[in-house]
Amino acid sequence: PDIEMAAHEAGHHMENPDEYAGGAVDTTLNGDGAVNGIDAHNIMGQDMSRPKKRHYHAFATMLGRLVQSRYGRAYTYDVVDK
């Protein structure tokens, strides 16, 4: 459970909220398995299992910031299913 906890906490640093009852839930989060911010079966949920597509938004945002900073070009990136 330690590695899962570390991944869960890293998710918070990437602006992902808790997705379990009693946590710091974003009730506007719906879709991709979440209903009113609750989805127990993922890295931010109760069982701290695998991440879902929505958890990668911070990587896409950060990539845009890095490209802007380094090259002066404004791009936006979307997370897609593989």
PDB file of N, CA and C in Angstrom:
ATOM      1  N   PRO A   1       0.799  -1.223   0.000  1.00  0.00           N
ATOM      2  CA  PRO A   1       0.000   0.000   0.000  1.00  0.00           C
ATOM      3  C   PRO A   1       0.834   1.277   0.000  1.00  0.00           C
ATOM      4  N   ASP A   2       2.104   1.229   0.396  1.00  0.00           N
ATOM      5  CA  ASP A   2       2.909   2.440   0.459  1.00  0.00           C
ATOM      6  C   ASP A   2       3.098   3.088  -0.902  1.00  0.00           C
ATOM      7  N   ILE A   3       3.359   2.279  -1.927  1.00  0.00           N
ATOM      8  CA  ILE A   3       3.550   2.847  -3.262  1.00  0.00           C
ATOM      9  C   ILE A   3       2.240   3.423  -3.801  1.00  0.00           C
ATOM     10  N   GLU A   4       1.136   2.764  -3.498  1.00  0.00           N
ATOM     11  CA  GLU A   4      -0.163   3.276  -3.918  1.00  0.00           C
ATOM     12  C   GLU A   4      -0.461   4.602  -3.220  1.00  0.00           C
ATOM     13  N   MET A   5      -0.121   4.694  -1.937  1.00  0.00           N
ATOM     14  CA  MET A   5      -0.344   5.932  -1.191  1.00  0.00           C
ATOM     15  C   MET A   5       0.505   7.062  -1.770  1.00  0.00           C
ATOM     16  N   ALA A   6       1.760   6.758  -2.111  1.00  0.00           N
ATOM     17  CA  ALA A   6       2.633   7.775  -2.703  1.00  0.00           C
ATOM     18  C   ALA A   6       2.063   8.254  -4.037  1.00  0.00           C
ATOM     19  N   ALA A   7       1.579   7.329  -4.861  1.00  0.00           N
ATOM     20  CA  ALA A   7       0.989   7.703  -6.145  1.00  0.00           C
ATOM     21  C   ALA A   7      -0.274   8.530  -5.937  1.00  0.00           C
ATOM     22  N   HIS A   8      -1.089   8.158  -4.953  1.00  0.00           N
ATOM     23  CA  HIS A   8      -2.311   8.905  -4.631  1.00  0.00           C
ATOM     24  C   HIS A   8      -1.954  10.339  -4.226  1.00  0.00           C
ATOM     25  N   GLU A   9      -0.989  10.475  -3.339  1.00  0.00           N
ATOM     26  CA  GLU A   9      -0.589  11.809  -2.876  1.00  0.00           C
ATOM     27  C   GLU A   9       0.046  12.623  -4.002  1.00  0.00           C
ATOM     28  N   ALA A  10       0.816  11.977  -4.889  1.00  0.00           N
ATOM     29  CA  ALA A  10       1.368  12.672  -6.053  1.00  0.00           C
ATOM     30  C   ALA A  10       0.232  13.177  -6.940  1.00  0.00           C
ATOM     31  N   GLY A  11      -0.852  12.401  -7.019  1.00  0.00           N
ATOM     32  CA  GLY A  11      -2.029  12.838  -7.773  1.00  0.00           C
ATOM     33  C   GLY A  11      -2.582  14.157  -7.259  1.00  0.00           C
ATOM     34  N   HIS A  12      -2.538  14.361  -5.944  1.00  0.00           N
ATOM     35  CA  HIS A  12      -2.991  15.638  -5.386  1.00  0.00           C
ATOM     36  C   HIS A  12      -2.095  16.790  -5.852  1.00  0.00           C
ATOM     37  N   HIS A  13      -0.796  16.538  -5.955  1.00  0.00           N
ATOM     38  CA  HIS A  13       0.125  17.581  -6.429  1.00  0.00           C
ATOM     39  C   HIS A  13      -0.131  17.933  -7.887  1.00  0.00           C
ATOM     40  N   MET A  14      -0.837  17.047  -8.585  1.00  0.00           N
ATOM     41  CA  MET A  14      -1.208  17.300  -9.971  1.00  0.00           C
ATOM     42  C   MET A  14      -2.669  17.722 -10.081  1.00  0.00           C
ATOM     43  N   GLU A  15      -3.193  18.255  -8.984  1.00  0.00           N
ATOM     44  CA  GLU A  15      -4.534  18.858  -8.917  1.00  0.00           C
ATOM     45  C   GLU A  15      -5.671  17.850  -9.044  1.00  0.00           C
ATOM     46  N   ASN A  16      -5.427  16.588  -8.717  1.00  0.00           N
ATOM     47  CA  ASN A  16      -6.498  15.600  -8.713  1.00  0.00           C
ATOM     48  C   ASN A  16      -7.096  15.514  -7.311  1.00  0.00           C
ATOM     49  N   PRO A  17      -8.421  15.604  -7.197  1.00  0.00           N
ATOM     50  CA  PRO A  17      -9.062  15.528  -5.881  1.00  0.00           C
ATOM     51  C   PRO A  17      -9.227  14.079  -5.423  1.00  0.00           C
ATOM     52  N   ASP A  18      -9.545  13.909  -4.147  1.00  0.00           N
ATOM     53  CA  ASP A  18      -9.938  12.594  -3.652  1.00  0.00           C
ATOM     54  C   ASP A  18     -11.216  12.181  -4.365  1.00  0.00           C
ATOM     55  N   GLU A  19     -11.426  10.878  -4.484  1.00  0.00           N
ATOM     56  CA  GLU A  19     -12.628  10.369  -5.134  1.00  0.00           C
ATOM     57  C   GLU A  19     -13.296   9.294  -4.285  1.00  0.00           C
ATOM     58  N   TYR A  20     -13.251   9.507  -2.961  1.00  0.00           N
ATOM     59  CA  TYR A  20     -13.901   8.578  -2.040  1.00  0.00           C
ATOM     60  C   TYR A  20     -14.707   9.367  -1.018  1.00  0.00           C
ATOM     61  N   ALA A  21     -15.758   8.746  -0.503  1.00  0.00           N
ATOM     62  CA  ALA A  21     -16.626   9.403   0.481  1.00  0.00           C
ATOM     63  C   ALA A  21     -15.797   9.824   1.689  1.00  0.00           C
ATOM     64  N   GLY A  22     -15.985  11.058   2.120  1.00  0.00           N
ATOM     65  CA  GLY A  22     -15.258  11.587   3.260  1.00  0.00           C
ATOM     66  C   GLY A  22     -13.972  12.296   2.888  1.00  0.00           C
ATOM     67  N   GLY A  23     -13.569  12.217   1.624  1.00  0.00           N
ATOM     68  CA  GLY A  23     -12.353  12.880   1.173  1.00  0.00           C
ATOM     69  C   GLY A  23     -12.649  14.267   0.637  1.00  0.00           C
ATOM     70  N   ALA A  24     -11.613  14.944   0.180  1.00  0.00           N
ATOM     71  CA  ALA A  24     -11.751  16.276  -0.421  1.00  0.00           C
ATOM     72  C   ALA A  24     -12.204  16.087  -1.866  1.00  0.00           C
ATOM     73  N   VAL A  25     -13.489  15.834  -2.038  1.00  0.00           N
ATOM     74  CA  VAL A  25     -14.088  15.449  -3.316  1.00  0.00           C
ATOM     75  C   VAL A  25     -14.539  16.678  -4.104  1.00  0.00           C
ATOM     76  N   ASP A  26     -14.349  16.652  -5.408  1.00  0.00           N
ATOM     77  CA  ASP A  26     -14.906  17.659  -6.311  1.00  0.00           C
ATOM     78  C   ASP A  26     -16.206  17.078  -6.859  1.00  0.00           C
ATOM     79  N   THR A  27     -17.336  17.502  -6.314  1.00  0.00           N
ATOM     80  CA  THR A  27     -18.632  16.929  -6.679  1.00  0.00           C
ATOM     81  C   THR A  27     -19.045  17.238  -8.113  1.00  0.00           C
ATOM     82  N   THR A  28     -18.324  18.124  -8.793  1.00  0.00           N
ATOM     83  CA  THR A  28     -18.642  18.415 -10.196  1.00  0.00           C
ATOM     84  C   THR A  28     -17.999  17.405 -11.134  1.00  0.00           C
ATOM     85  N   LEU A  29     -17.147  16.533 -10.596  1.00  0.00           N
ATOM     86  CA  LEU A  29     -16.462  15.531 -11.408  1.00  0.00           C
ATOM     87  C   LEU A  29     -17.426  14.409 -11.754  1.00  0.00           C
ATOM     88  N   ASN A  30     -17.731  14.295 -13.043  1.00  0.00           N
ATOM     89  CA  ASN A  30     -18.628  13.254 -13.539  1.00  0.00           C
ATOM     90  C   ASN A  30     -18.061  12.712 -14.843  1.00  0.00           C
ATOM     91  N   GLY A  31     -18.266  11.443 -15.092  1.00  0.00           N
ATOM     92  CA  GLY A  31     -17.770  10.806 -16.303  1.00  0.00           C
ATOM     93  C   GLY A  31     -16.505  10.027 -16.047  1.00  0.00           C
ATOM     94  N   ASP A  32     -16.129   9.184 -16.989  1.00  0.00           N
ATOM     95  CA  ASP A  32     -14.940   8.346 -16.884  1.00  0.00           C
ATOM     96  C   ASP A  32     -14.994   7.490 -15.609  1.00  0.00           C
ATOM     97  N   GLY A  33     -16.207   7.154 -15.172  1.00  0.00           N
ATOM     98  CA  GLY A  33     -16.398   6.323 -13.988  1.00  0.00           C
ATOM     99  C   GLY A  33     -16.780   7.078 -12.734  1.00  0.00           C
ATOM    100  N   ALA A  34     -16.611   8.387 -12.723  1.00  0.00           N
ATOM    101  CA  ALA A  34     -16.933   9.188 -11.534  1.00  0.00           C
ATOM    102  C   ALA A  34     -18.377   9.675 -11.575  1.00  0.00           C
ATOM    103  N   VAL A  35     -19.017   9.652 -10.409  1.00  0.00           N
ATOM    104  CA  VAL A  35     -20.368  10.193 -10.253  1.00  0.00           C
ATOM    105  C   VAL A  35     -20.347  11.102  -9.031  1.00  0.00           C
ATOM    106  N   ASN A  36     -20.605  12.385  -9.268  1.00  0.00           N
ATOM    107  CA  ASN A  36     -20.552  13.388  -8.196  1.00  0.00           C
ATOM    108  C   ASN A  36     -19.222  13.342  -7.453  1.00  0.00           C
ATOM    109  N   GLY A  37     -18.148  13.104  -8.184  1.00  0.00           N
ATOM    110  CA  GLY A  37     -16.811  13.114  -7.608  1.00  0.00           C
ATOM    111  C   GLY A  37     -16.379  11.813  -6.969  1.00  0.00           C
ATOM    112  N   ILE A  38     -17.233  10.806  -6.958  1.00  0.00           N
ATOM    113  CA  ILE A  38     -16.902   9.534  -6.308  1.00  0.00           C
ATOM    114  C   ILE A  38     -16.659   8.457  -7.359  1.00  0.00           C
ATOM    115  N   ASP A  39     -15.499   7.812  -7.260  1.00  0.00           N
ATOM    116  CA  ASP A  39     -15.156   6.654  -8.082  1.00  0.00           C
ATOM    117  C   ASP A  39     -14.125   5.872  -7.280  1.00  0.00           C
ATOM    118  N   ALA A  40     -14.569   4.846  -6.602  1.00  0.00           N
ATOM    119  CA  ALA A  40     -13.703   4.110  -5.672  1.00  0.00           C
ATOM    120  C   ALA A  40     -12.590   3.337  -6.354  1.00  0.00           C
ATOM    121  N   HIS A  41     -12.743   3.033  -7.633  1.00  0.00           N
ATOM    122  CA  HIS A  41     -11.816   2.119  -8.290  1.00  0.00           C
ATOM    123  C   HIS A  41     -10.810   2.822  -9.186  1.00  0.00           C
ATOM    124  N   ASN A  42      -9.920   3.606  -8.591  1.00  0.00           N
ATOM    125  CA  ASN A  42      -8.839   4.276  -9.301  1.00  0.00           C
ATOM    126  C   ASN A  42      -7.828   4.793  -8.297  1.00  0.00           C
ATOM    127  N   ILE A  43      -6.758   5.391  -8.776  1.00  0.00           N
ATOM    128  CA  ILE A  43      -5.673   5.822  -7.900  1.00  0.00           C
ATOM    129  C   ILE A  43      -6.102   6.888  -6.895  1.00  0.00           C
ATOM    130  N   MET A  44      -7.103   7.679  -7.208  1.00  0.00           N
ATOM    131  CA  MET A  44      -7.580   8.709  -6.286  1.00  0.00           C
ATOM    132  C   MET A  44      -8.781   8.237  -5.467  1.00  0.00           C
ATOM    133  N   GLY A  45      -9.234   7.023  -5.723  1.00  0.00           N
ATOM    134  CA  GLY A  45     -10.390   6.466  -5.033  1.00  0.00           C
ATOM    135  C   GLY A  45     -10.012   5.623  -3.829  1.00  0.00           C
ATOM    136  N   GLN A  46     -10.992   4.955  -3.303  1.00  0.00           N
ATOM    137  CA  GLN A  46     -10.830   4.177  -2.079  1.00  0.00           C
ATOM    138  C   GLN A  46      -9.817   3.047  -2.218  1.00  0.00           C
ATOM    139  N   ASP A  47      -9.814   2.348  -3.347  1.00  0.00           N
ATOM    140  CA  ASP A  47      -8.903   1.199  -3.458  1.00  0.00           C
ATOM    141  C   ASP A  47      -7.525   1.559  -4.025  1.00  0.00           C
ATOM    142  N   MET A  48      -7.307   2.828  -4.362  1.00  0.00           N
ATOM    143  CA  MET A  48      -6.023   3.323  -4.864  1.00  0.00           C
ATOM    144  C   MET A  48      -5.413   2.386  -5.905  1.00  0.00           C
ATOM    145  N   SER A  49      -6.234   1.988  -6.880  1.00  0.00           N
ATOM    146  CA  SER A  49      -5.754   1.117  -7.945  1.00  0.00           C
ATOM    147  C   SER A  49      -5.186   1.960  -9.080  1.00  0.00           C
ATOM    148  N   ARG A  50      -5.467   1.651 -10.305  1.00  0.00           N
ATOM    149  CA  ARG A  50      -4.831   2.311 -11.440  1.00  0.00           C
ATOM    150  C   ARG A  50      -5.410   3.694 -11.736  1.00  0.00           C
ATOM    151  N   PRO A  51      -4.595   4.567 -12.341  1.00  0.00           N
ATOM    152  CA  PRO A  51      -5.093   5.878 -12.752  1.00  0.00           C
ATOM    153  C   PRO A  51      -6.030   5.744 -13.948  1.00  0.00           C
ATOM    154  N   LYS A  52      -6.854   6.753 -14.121  1.00  0.00           N
ATOM    155  CA  LYS A  52      -7.750   6.820 -15.268  1.00  0.00           C
ATOM    156  C   LYS A  52      -7.358   8.015 -16.129  1.00  0.00           C
ATOM    157  N   LYS A  53      -7.923   8.072 -17.312  1.00  0.00           N
ATOM    158  CA  LYS A  53      -7.596   9.123 -18.279  1.00  0.00           C
ATOM    159  C   LYS A  53      -7.655  10.511 -17.652  1.00  0.00           C
ATOM    160  N   ARG A  54      -8.658  10.770 -16.846  1.00  0.00           N
ATOM    161  CA  ARG A  54      -8.819  12.111 -16.270  1.00  0.00           C
ATOM    162  C   ARG A  54      -7.677  12.510 -15.341  1.00  0.00           C
ATOM    163  N   HIS A  55      -6.927  11.561 -14.841  1.00  0.00           N
ATOM    164  CA  HIS A  55      -5.846  11.873 -13.912  1.00  0.00           C
ATOM    165  C   HIS A  55      -4.585  12.388 -14.612  1.00  0.00           C
ATOM    166  N   TYR A  56      -4.546  12.314 -15.914  1.00  0.00           N
ATOM    167  CA  TYR A  56      -3.367  12.743 -16.668  1.00  0.00           C
ATOM    168  C   TYR A  56      -3.443  14.189 -17.159  1.00  0.00           C
ATOM    169  N   HIS A  57      -4.505  14.891 -16.809  1.00  0.00           N
ATOM    170  CA  HIS A  57      -4.668  16.270 -17.305  1.00  0.00           C
ATOM    171  C   HIS A  57      -3.503  17.165 -16.915  1.00  0.00           C
ATOM    172  N   ALA A  58      -2.932  16.952 -15.743  1.00  0.00           N
ATOM    173  CA  ALA A  58      -1.833  17.806 -15.284  1.00  0.00           C
ATOM    174  C   ALA A  58      -0.597  17.646 -16.171  1.00  0.00           C
ATOM    175  N   PHE A  59      -0.337  16.432 -16.661  1.00  0.00           N
ATOM    176  CA  PHE A  59       0.794  16.234 -17.559  1.00  0.00           C
ATOM    177  C   PHE A  59       0.611  17.040 -18.841  1.00  0.00           C
ATOM    178  N   ALA A  60      -0.596  17.013 -19.383  1.00  0.00           N
ATOM    179  CA  ALA A  60      -0.876  17.759 -20.611  1.00  0.00           C
ATOM    180  C   ALA A  60      -0.742  19.260 -20.378  1.00  0.00           C
ATOM    181  N   THR A  61      -1.239  19.732 -19.244  1.00  0.00           N
ATOM    182  CA  THR A  61      -1.139  21.152 -18.906  1.00  0.00           C
ATOM    183  C   THR A  61       0.319  21.577 -18.734  1.00  0.00           C
ATOM    184  N   MET A  62       1.091  20.770 -18.002  1.00  0.00           N
ATOM    185  CA  MET A  62       2.494  21.094 -17.766  1.00  0.00           C
ATOM    186  C   MET A  62       3.297  21.080 -19.066  1.00  0.00           C
ATOM    187  N   LEU A  63       3.012  20.148 -19.957  1.00  0.00           N
ATOM    188  CA  LEU A  63       3.702  20.121 -21.241  1.00  0.00           C
ATOM    189  C   LEU A  63       3.463  21.426 -22.001  1.00  0.00           C
ATOM    190  N   GLY A  64       2.242  21.916 -21.990  1.00  0.00           N
ATOM    191  CA  GLY A  64       1.933  23.188 -22.631  1.00  0.00           C
ATOM    192  C   GLY A  64       2.722  24.338 -22.030  1.00  0.00           C
ATOM    193  N   ARG A  65       2.835  24.345 -20.709  1.00  0.00           N
ATOM    194  CA  ARG A  65       3.602  25.404 -20.029  1.00  0.00           C
ATOM    195  C   ARG A  65       5.087  25.324 -20.378  1.00  0.00           C
ATOM    196  N   LEU A  66       5.626  24.111 -20.421  1.00  0.00           N
ATOM    197  CA  LEU A  66       7.048  23.946 -20.744  1.00  0.00           C
ATOM    198  C   LEU A  66       7.361  24.376 -22.176  1.00  0.00           C
ATOM    199  N   VAL A  67       6.506  24.024 -23.111  1.00  0.00           N
ATOM    200  CA  VAL A  67       6.704  24.435 -24.503  1.00  0.00           C
ATOM    201  C   VAL A  67       6.620  25.957 -24.619  1.00  0.00           C
ATOM    202  N   GLN A  68       5.667  26.554 -23.930  1.00  0.00           N
ATOM    203  CA  GLN A  68       5.521  28.016 -23.942  1.00  0.00           C
ATOM    204  C   GLN A  68       6.781  28.681 -23.382  1.00  0.00           C
ATOM    205  N   SER A  69       7.256  28.167 -22.258  1.00  0.00           N
ATOM    206  CA  SER A  69       8.436  28.743 -21.616  1.00  0.00           C
ATOM    207  C   SER A  69       9.695  28.574 -22.471  1.00  0.00           C
ATOM    208  N   ARG A  70       9.874  27.403 -23.024  1.00  0.00           N
ATOM    209  CA  ARG A  70      11.101  27.107 -23.765  1.00  0.00           C
ATOM    210  C   ARG A  70      11.110  27.655 -25.180  1.00  0.00           C
ATOM    211  N   TYR A  71       9.977  27.555 -25.868  1.00  0.00           N
ATOM    212  CA  TYR A  71       9.932  27.905 -27.284  1.00  0.00           C
ATOM    213  C   TYR A  71       9.047  29.105 -27.607  1.00  0.00           C
ATOM    214  N   GLY A  72       8.330  29.609 -26.610  1.00  0.00           N
ATOM    215  CA  GLY A  72       7.478  30.768 -26.843  1.00  0.00           C
ATOM    216  C   GLY A  72       6.252  30.462 -27.689  1.00  0.00           C
ATOM    217  N   ARG A  73       5.877  29.219 -27.754  1.00  0.00           N
ATOM    218  CA  ARG A  73       4.711  28.816 -28.555  1.00  0.00           C
ATOM    219  C   ARG A  73       3.612  28.307 -27.644  1.00  0.00           C
ATOM    220  N   ALA A  74       2.408  28.748 -27.910  1.00  0.00           N
ATOM    221  CA  ALA A  74       1.260  28.343 -27.099  1.00  0.00           C
ATOM    222  C   ALA A  74       0.552  27.159 -27.742  1.00  0.00           C
ATOM    223  N   TYR A  75       0.652  26.026 -27.110  1.00  0.00           N
ATOM    224  CA  TYR A  75      -0.034  24.824 -27.565  1.00  0.00           C
ATOM    225  C   TYR A  75      -0.873  24.289 -26.410  1.00  0.00           C
ATOM    226  N   THR A  76      -1.933  23.618 -26.748  1.00  0.00           N
ATOM    227  CA  THR A  76      -2.684  22.882 -25.746  1.00  0.00           C
ATOM    228  C   THR A  76      -2.652  21.412 -26.149  1.00  0.00           C
ATOM    229  N   TYR A  77      -2.643  20.571 -25.156  1.00  0.00           N
ATOM    230  CA  TYR A  77      -2.563  19.129 -25.373  1.00  0.00           C
ATOM    231  C   TYR A  77      -3.753  18.472 -24.694  1.00  0.00           C
ATOM    232  N   ASP A  78      -4.280  17.457 -25.346  1.00  0.00           N
ATOM    233  CA  ASP A  78      -5.396  16.699 -24.797  1.00  0.00           C
ATOM    234  C   ASP A  78      -4.933  15.294 -24.473  1.00  0.00           C
ATOM    235  N   VAL A  79      -5.472  14.759 -23.404  1.00  0.00           N
ATOM    236  CA  VAL A  79      -5.217  13.367 -23.049  1.00  0.00           C
ATOM    237  C   VAL A  79      -6.206  12.512 -23.843  1.00  0.00           C
ATOM    238  N   VAL A  80      -5.683  11.499 -24.508  1.00  0.00           N
ATOM    239  CA  VAL A  80      -6.528  10.626 -25.327  1.00  0.00           C
ATOM    240  C   VAL A  80      -6.311   9.174 -24.937  1.00  0.00           C
ATOM    241  N   ASP A  81      -7.275   8.342 -25.270  1.00  0.00           N
ATOM    242  CA  ASP A  81      -7.101   6.907 -25.056  1.00  0.00           C
ATOM    243  C   ASP A  81      -6.110   6.377 -26.061  1.00  0.00           C
ATOM    244  N   LYS A  82      -5.339   5.381 -25.652  1.00  0.00           N
ATOM    245  CA  LYS A  82      -4.346   4.829 -26.577  1.00  0.00           C
ATOM    246  C   LYS A  82      -4.938   3.793 -27.467  1.00  0.00           C
TER     247      LYS A  82
END
